[in-house]
Protein backbone atom coordinates (compact mmCIF):
# COMPACT_ATOMS: atom_id res chain seq x y z
CA MET A 1 -0.03 0.02 -0.06
CA ASN A 2 1.05 3.57 -0.61
CA VAL A 3 0.86 5.34 3.02
CA ALA A 4 0.75 9.02 3.25
CA ILE A 5 1.97 10.53 6.50
CA LEU A 6 -0.10 13.70 7.08
CA TYR A 7 1.16 16.07 9.80
CA ASN A 8 1.01 19.76 10.82
CA GLU A 9 4.27 21.43 9.44
CA PRO A 10 5.71 23.38 12.46
CA SER A 11 4.93 27.08 12.00
CA LEU A 12 5.98 28.70 15.13
CA PRO A 13 9.11 30.26 15.61
CA PRO A 14 11.66 28.36 18.03
CA ASP A 15 11.53 31.15 20.59
CA HIS A 16 7.64 30.90 20.98
CA PRO A 17 6.78 29.36 24.06
CA ASP A 18 4.54 26.81 22.41
CA TYR A 19 7.25 25.65 19.93
CA ALA A 20 8.14 22.64 21.44
CA GLN A 21 4.46 21.37 21.55
CA GLU A 22 4.09 21.98 17.78
CA ALA A 23 7.31 20.57 16.79
CA GLY A 24 6.79 17.32 18.97
CA VAL A 25 4.79 15.77 16.03
CA LEU A 26 8.14 15.38 13.92
CA GLU A 27 9.29 12.81 16.59
CA ALA A 28 5.98 10.61 15.32
CA VAL A 29 6.38 11.10 11.71
CA GLU A 30 10.13 9.93 11.95
CA ALA A 31 8.70 6.86 14.12
CA VAL A 32 5.98 5.98 11.50
CA GLU A 33 8.50 6.07 8.82
CA GLY A 34 10.98 3.72 10.61
CA ALA A 35 8.09 1.24 11.25
CA LEU A 36 7.11 1.10 7.67
CA ALA A 37 10.65 0.76 6.79
CA GLU A 38 10.54 -2.97 7.60
CA THR A 39 7.37 -3.46 5.93
CA ALA A 40 6.31 -3.79 1.97
CA HIS A 41 4.22 -0.64 2.44
CA CYS A 42 5.65 2.59 0.74
CA CYS A 43 5.25 5.85 2.66
CA GLN A 44 5.42 9.43 1.68
CA ARG A 45 5.34 12.58 4.02
CA SER A 46 2.30 15.12 3.48
CA PRO A 47 3.25 18.22 5.73
CA VAL A 48 0.26 20.46 6.08
CA GLY A 49 1.21 23.95 5.60
CA GLY A 50 -0.33 27.35 5.22
CA GLN A 51 -2.73 26.31 2.39
CA PRO A 52 -4.62 23.37 3.59
CA LEU A 53 -7.05 23.14 0.81
CA ALA A 54 -3.84 21.72 -1.28
CA ILE A 55 -4.26 18.65 1.15
CA ALA A 56 -6.66 16.71 -1.27
CA ASP A 57 -4.66 17.28 -4.41
CA ALA A 58 -1.48 16.41 -2.79
CA LEU A 59 -2.89 13.01 -1.33
CA ARG A 60 -4.52 12.33 -4.85
CA ARG A 61 -0.87 13.20 -6.54
CA GLN A 62 0.87 10.61 -4.36
CA ARG A 63 -2.21 8.06 -4.95
CA ALA A 64 -2.28 7.32 -1.35
CA ASP A 65 -4.08 4.11 -0.17
CA VAL A 66 -4.31 4.93 3.44
CA ILE A 67 -3.28 8.21 5.60
CA VAL A 68 -1.70 8.08 9.04
CA ASN A 69 -3.16 11.24 10.33
CA LEU A 70 -0.86 12.65 12.74
CA CYS A 71 -2.19 16.57 12.31
CA GLU A 72 -2.38 17.91 15.73
CA GLY A 73 -3.23 21.78 14.52
CA LEU A 74 -2.94 23.93 11.78
CA GLY A 75 -0.74 27.23 11.91
CA GLY A 76 -0.23 27.06 15.69
CA VAL A 77 -4.05 26.49 16.19
CA GLY A 78 -5.24 23.22 17.78
CA GLY A 79 -8.66 23.64 16.31
CA GLY A 80 -7.39 22.93 12.83
CA GLU A 81 -6.96 19.27 13.47
CA SER A 82 -10.70 18.73 13.18
CA GLN A 83 -10.80 20.68 10.22
CA VAL A 84 -8.14 19.01 8.39
CA THR A 85 -9.78 15.69 9.26
CA GLY A 86 -12.96 16.89 7.94
CA LEU A 87 -11.13 17.43 4.36
CA LEU A 88 -9.59 13.87 4.74
CA GLU A 89 -13.40 12.73 5.10
CA LEU A 90 -14.19 14.14 2.02
CA THR A 91 -11.43 12.77 -0.03
CA GLY A 92 -12.65 9.20 0.68
CA ILE A 93 -9.36 8.09 1.51
CA PRO A 94 -9.15 5.84 4.54
CA PHE A 95 -7.20 7.28 7.39
CA THR A 96 -6.28 6.51 11.06
CA GLY A 97 -7.57 7.88 14.28
CA SER A 98 -10.55 9.55 15.30
CA GLY A 99 -13.13 11.41 12.67
CA SER A 100 -13.46 15.14 12.59
CA GLU A 101 -16.77 15.36 14.79
CA CYS A 102 -15.10 13.46 17.76
CA LEU A 103 -12.15 15.71 17.41
CA ALA A 104 -14.10 18.92 17.46
CA LEU A 105 -16.17 17.47 20.45
CA VAL A 106 -13.23 16.66 22.71
CA LEU A 107 -11.34 19.80 21.75
CA HIS A 108 -14.08 22.01 23.56
CA LYS A 109 -13.65 20.91 26.88
CA ALA A 110 -16.86 22.06 28.49
CA ARG A 111 -18.96 20.41 25.60
CA THR A 112 -17.17 16.97 26.45
CA LYS A 113 -17.79 17.50 30.43
CA TRP A 114 -21.35 18.40 29.69
CA LEU A 115 -21.71 15.26 27.52
CA LEU A 116 -20.00 13.03 30.14
CA HIS A 117 -22.16 14.38 33.01
CA GLY A 118 -25.34 13.90 31.07
CA ALA A 119 -24.35 10.15 30.47
CA GLY A 120 -23.93 9.85 34.10
CA LEU A 121 -20.05 9.76 34.00
CA PRO A 122 -17.95 11.18 36.66
CA THR A 123 -16.35 14.64 35.95
CA ALA A 124 -15.53 17.27 38.24
CA PRO A 125 -17.53 20.53 38.74
CA PHE A 126 -16.65 23.34 36.36
CA ALA A 127 -17.59 26.80 34.92
CA TYR A 128 -17.21 27.72 31.19
CA LEU A 129 -15.97 31.42 30.66
CA PRO A 130 -16.25 32.04 26.74
CA ALA A 131 -13.87 34.91 25.90
CA SER A 132 -16.66 36.41 23.74
CA GLU A 133 -18.46 37.35 26.77
CA PRO A 134 -18.07 39.77 29.74
CA LEU A 135 -16.29 37.84 32.49
CA GLY A 136 -19.02 36.74 34.65
CA ALA A 137 -16.93 34.85 37.03
CA LYS A 138 -19.62 34.04 39.93
CA ALA A 139 -20.21 30.49 39.01
CA ALA A 140 -16.32 29.92 39.11
CA VAL A 141 -15.77 31.97 42.15
CA GLY A 142 -18.60 29.63 43.70
CA LEU A 143 -16.32 26.49 43.02
CA LEU A 144 -13.99 28.00 45.51
CA ASN A 145 -16.29 27.13 48.36
CA SER A 146 -15.37 23.36 47.99
CA GLY A 147 -11.52 24.08 47.49
CA PRO A 148 -8.98 25.07 45.16
CA VAL A 149 -9.66 25.24 41.51
CA ILE A 150 -7.64 24.99 38.18
CA VAL A 151 -7.71 27.43 35.25
CA LYS A 152 -7.28 25.88 31.86
CA PRO A 153 -7.79 26.98 28.27
CA ALA A 154 -10.96 25.48 27.06
CA HIS A 155 -9.81 24.45 23.73
CA GLU A 156 -6.09 23.30 23.74
CA ASP A 157 -4.40 20.02 24.59
CA ALA A 158 -0.76 18.96 25.44
CA SER A 159 -0.70 20.97 28.58
CA LEU A 160 -0.72 24.36 26.71
CA GLY A 161 -1.38 27.11 29.46
CA ILE A 162 -0.91 24.77 32.33
CA GLY A 163 1.69 25.68 35.11
CA PRO A 164 1.79 25.85 38.87
CA GLU A 165 -0.13 29.26 38.50
CA SER A 166 -3.02 27.58 37.12
CA VAL A 167 -4.50 26.36 40.48
CA ALA A 168 -6.08 29.08 42.38
CA ARG A 169 -7.03 29.07 46.01
CA ASP A 170 -8.84 32.69 46.09
CA ALA A 171 -10.82 34.86 44.01
CA ASP A 172 -7.90 37.25 43.35
CA ALA A 173 -5.59 34.43 41.85
CA LEU A 174 -8.69 32.86 39.99
CA MET A 175 -9.48 36.32 38.29
CA MET A 176 -5.70 37.01 37.58
CA GLN A 177 -5.07 33.53 35.88
CA THR A 178 -8.52 33.64 34.05
CA ASN A 179 -7.38 36.97 32.58
CA ARG A 180 -4.04 35.79 31.64
CA VAL A 181 -5.35 32.65 30.03
CA ARG A 182 -8.24 34.34 28.19
CA LYS A 183 -5.79 36.79 26.44
CA ARG A 184 -3.45 34.03 25.33
CA TYR A 185 -5.83 31.27 24.41
CA GLY A 186 -9.42 32.82 24.44
CA ASP A 187 -12.22 30.74 26.03
CA VAL A 188 -11.59 29.43 29.55
CA ILE A 189 -12.69 26.51 31.84
CA VAL A 190 -12.48 26.61 35.47
CA GLU A 191 -12.44 23.02 37.14
CA GLN A 192 -12.43 21.93 40.76
CA PHE A 193 -9.08 20.79 41.65
CA LEU A 194 -8.80 17.16 42.45
CA PRO A 195 -6.07 16.49 45.02
CA GLY A 196 -5.76 12.52 44.76
CA ARG A 197 -3.72 10.14 42.39
CA GLU A 198 -3.67 10.74 38.64
CA PHE A 199 -3.79 8.23 36.13
CA ASN A 200 -4.20 8.07 32.15
CA VAL A 201 -5.26 4.96 30.24
CA GLY A 202 -4.70 4.21 26.48
CA VAL A 203 -7.63 2.72 24.81
CA LEU A 204 -6.89 0.69 21.42
CA ALA A 205 -9.77 0.00 19.10
CA LEU A 206 -8.03 -2.27 16.40
CA PRO A 207 -10.92 -2.91 15.95
CA GLU A 208 -12.62 -3.57 19.12
CA PRO A 209 -11.97 -1.10 22.27
CA LYS A 210 -9.58 -2.50 25.24
CA LEU A 211 -7.56 -0.66 27.92
CA LEU A 212 -3.81 -0.57 27.69
CA PRO A 213 -2.09 -1.07 31.12
CA LEU A 214 -2.94 1.87 33.64
CA ALA A 215 -0.25 4.40 33.90
CA GLU A 216 -0.11 6.63 36.97
CA ILE A 217 2.03 10.02 37.38
CA GLU A 218 3.84 9.90 40.40
CA TYR A 219 4.47 13.22 41.70
CA GLN A 220 7.89 14.06 43.41
CA PRO A 221 8.62 16.83 46.29
CA GLY A 222 9.34 19.89 44.53
CA ALA A 223 6.94 19.31 41.55
CA SER A 224 3.80 21.29 41.19
CA GLY A 225 1.18 18.20 41.44
CA LEU A 226 0.05 19.08 37.73
CA VAL A 227 0.99 17.24 34.33
CA SER A 228 2.12 21.15 33.22
CA TYR A 229 3.59 22.26 30.13
CA ASP A 230 7.11 21.99 31.44
CA ALA A 231 6.43 18.58 32.57
CA LYS A 232 5.80 17.51 29.30
CA TRP A 233 7.99 19.74 26.92
CA THR A 234 10.73 21.40 29.25
CA PRO A 235 13.90 19.14 30.11
CA GLY A 236 15.71 20.36 33.23
CA THR A 237 12.69 22.01 35.00
CA ALA A 238 11.28 20.72 38.42
CA ASP A 239 7.85 19.54 36.67
CA TYR A 240 10.11 17.61 33.88
CA GLY A 241 11.89 15.98 36.40
CA GLY A 242 9.19 15.34 38.90
CA THR A 243 6.57 13.69 37.17
CA PRO A 244 7.76 9.97 36.58
CA VAL A 245 5.31 7.69 35.27
CA ARG A 246 4.69 3.88 36.37
CA CYS A 247 2.98 1.69 34.05
CA PRO A 248 1.68 -0.60 34.80
CA ALA A 249 0.26 1.18 37.74
CA ARG A 250 -0.31 -0.34 41.09
CA VAL A 251 -3.90 -0.07 41.89
CA SER A 252 -6.56 -2.26 43.49
CA ASP A 253 -8.67 -4.56 41.53
CA ASP A 254 -11.90 -2.46 42.59
CA LEU A 255 -9.99 0.92 41.29
CA ALA A 256 -8.83 -0.96 38.08
CA ALA A 257 -12.42 -2.02 37.48
CA GLU A 258 -13.83 1.58 37.80
CA ILE A 259 -11.15 3.18 35.72
CA THR A 260 -11.87 0.62 32.97
CA ARG A 261 -15.63 1.19 33.15
CA VAL A 262 -15.35 4.75 33.05
CA SER A 263 -12.64 5.04 30.33
CA LEU A 264 -14.43 2.59 27.88
CA ALA A 265 -17.59 4.41 28.44
CA ALA A 266 -15.99 7.64 27.50
CA PHE A 267 -14.28 6.36 24.54
CA ARG A 268 -17.53 5.13 23.03
CA LEU A 269 -19.55 8.18 24.12
CA THR A 270 -17.26 10.70 22.54
CA GLY A 271 -16.95 8.41 19.07
CA ALA A 272 -13.33 7.89 19.25
CA ARG A 273 -11.47 5.59 16.90
CA ASP A 274 -8.52 3.29 16.84
CA TYR A 275 -6.79 5.00 19.83
CA ALA A 276 -7.25 7.56 22.36
CA ARG A 277 -5.98 8.48 25.83
CA ILE A 278 -8.45 9.25 28.94
CA ASP A 279 -6.93 11.24 31.93
CA LEU A 280 -8.41 10.85 35.32
CA ARG A 281 -7.89 11.95 38.57
CA LEU A 282 -8.92 10.84 42.06
CA ASP A 283 -10.52 13.07 44.75
CA ALA A 284 -9.73 13.15 48.35
CA ASP A 285 -12.18 10.18 48.71
CA GLU A 286 -10.49 8.08 46.13
CA ARG A 287 -13.43 8.56 43.75
CA VAL A 288 -12.66 8.35 39.87
CA TYR A 289 -13.18 11.38 37.69
CA ILE A 290 -12.50 12.04 34.14
CA LEU A 291 -10.42 14.97 33.48
CA GLU A 292 -10.21 14.78 29.54
CA VAL A 293 -10.72 12.61 26.68
CA ASN A 294 -7.65 12.93 24.15
CA ALA A 295 -8.78 11.44 20.80
CA ASN A 296 -5.60 12.38 18.91
CA PRO A 297 -2.79 11.62 21.45
CA ASP A 298 0.69 11.87 20.60
CA ILE A 299 1.99 8.54 19.35
CA SER A 300 5.57 9.00 19.16
CA PRO A 301 7.81 6.35 21.05
CA SER A 302 8.60 8.64 24.09
CA ALA A 303 4.87 9.26 24.69
CA GLY A 304 2.55 7.68 27.04
CA LEU A 305 0.52 5.74 24.60
CA ALA A 306 3.68 4.09 23.28
CA ARG A 307 4.70 3.17 26.87
CA ALA A 308 1.40 1.60 27.42
CA ILE A 309 1.42 -0.41 24.25
CA LEU A 310 5.02 -1.83 24.93
CA ALA A 311 3.69 -2.57 28.41
CA SER A 312 0.80 -4.75 26.88
CA GLY A 313 3.14 -6.74 24.93
CA TRP A 314 2.99 -5.10 21.50
CA SER A 315 5.98 -3.48 19.87
CA TYR A 316 6.10 -0.02 18.54
CA ASN A 317 6.05 -1.34 14.86
CA GLU A 318 3.49 -3.86 15.66
CA PHE A 319 1.09 -1.17 16.56
CA ILE A 320 1.79 0.87 13.85
CA VAL A 321 1.13 -1.86 11.13
CA HIS A 322 -2.09 -2.90 12.92
CA LEU A 323 -3.00 0.78 12.89
CA ILE A 324 -2.64 1.23 9.13
CA GLU A 325 -4.38 -2.12 8.33
CA THR A 326 -7.46 -1.12 10.33
CA ALA A 327 -7.75 1.81 8.52
CA ALA A 328 -7.23 0.28 5.36
CA GLY A 329 -10.13 -1.98 6.10
CA ARG A 330 -12.56 0.94 6.56
CA GLY A 331 -11.81 1.85 3.01
């Protein structure tokens, strides 16, 4: 098969604070190429630059039989990932990963949480503060009555905009951080901060959904207690060194069963496909809450999903081959 590897060509300058996150996709591109080098499949890179409408023509010229979709945004804007996927759907060429409807949903954190809540799945109390409306923070401030809150961009992933200052313990800190995030990223979500253990779990659906081994972030003294931007992208920082991951995690049978239940339900509810990562955290009473559903997680070898795949007994190359064959079968 002719395989096209579609990805967002990094557009941010190296000195931009979000550059590392955007450029991280190149590791996944190289890894997929390496995995396919040992097969009979032919592959070619298809970077998405400043003219996304040229994607369809480029793919047809390459005569792609299947597309490995690694696009995580467009021009430095995360919302572009679902729009690019919509174009892929119009071409009729089978591609890996979730569809445009799912990606648009999960990148809107408030809508996802409303959906989870409506389906009876546990997610922390929150307030949604659109940047297009006056800052009516009454609901957000009210959350402080139950303890600290965390302020996050409502339409970004990869820990963009997350740092130690994201956790607010009083109204002044809440307003300051909300204004800071609004100015840079737009809409804001303010969520009850959960003080317990944090897990993430990969779900593979090649074809039937199943959980990979659970992973726990084991926060170390001196770290912020968050999977911050620094924890993911800035070597040498306290958070980068202070957030080791244990996979498989050490959990009781009851806790593993509850995490499995809510994770598989969230995967199906949001319409995720092929693979996803569910982030979860416990409250003070060790009850499980869904933080986010990431339907387009990083699949580079250094990322958490690949770590869980290896812990399950698969090699990285086996995962890539199964992923491509599953997508081709849909065609």
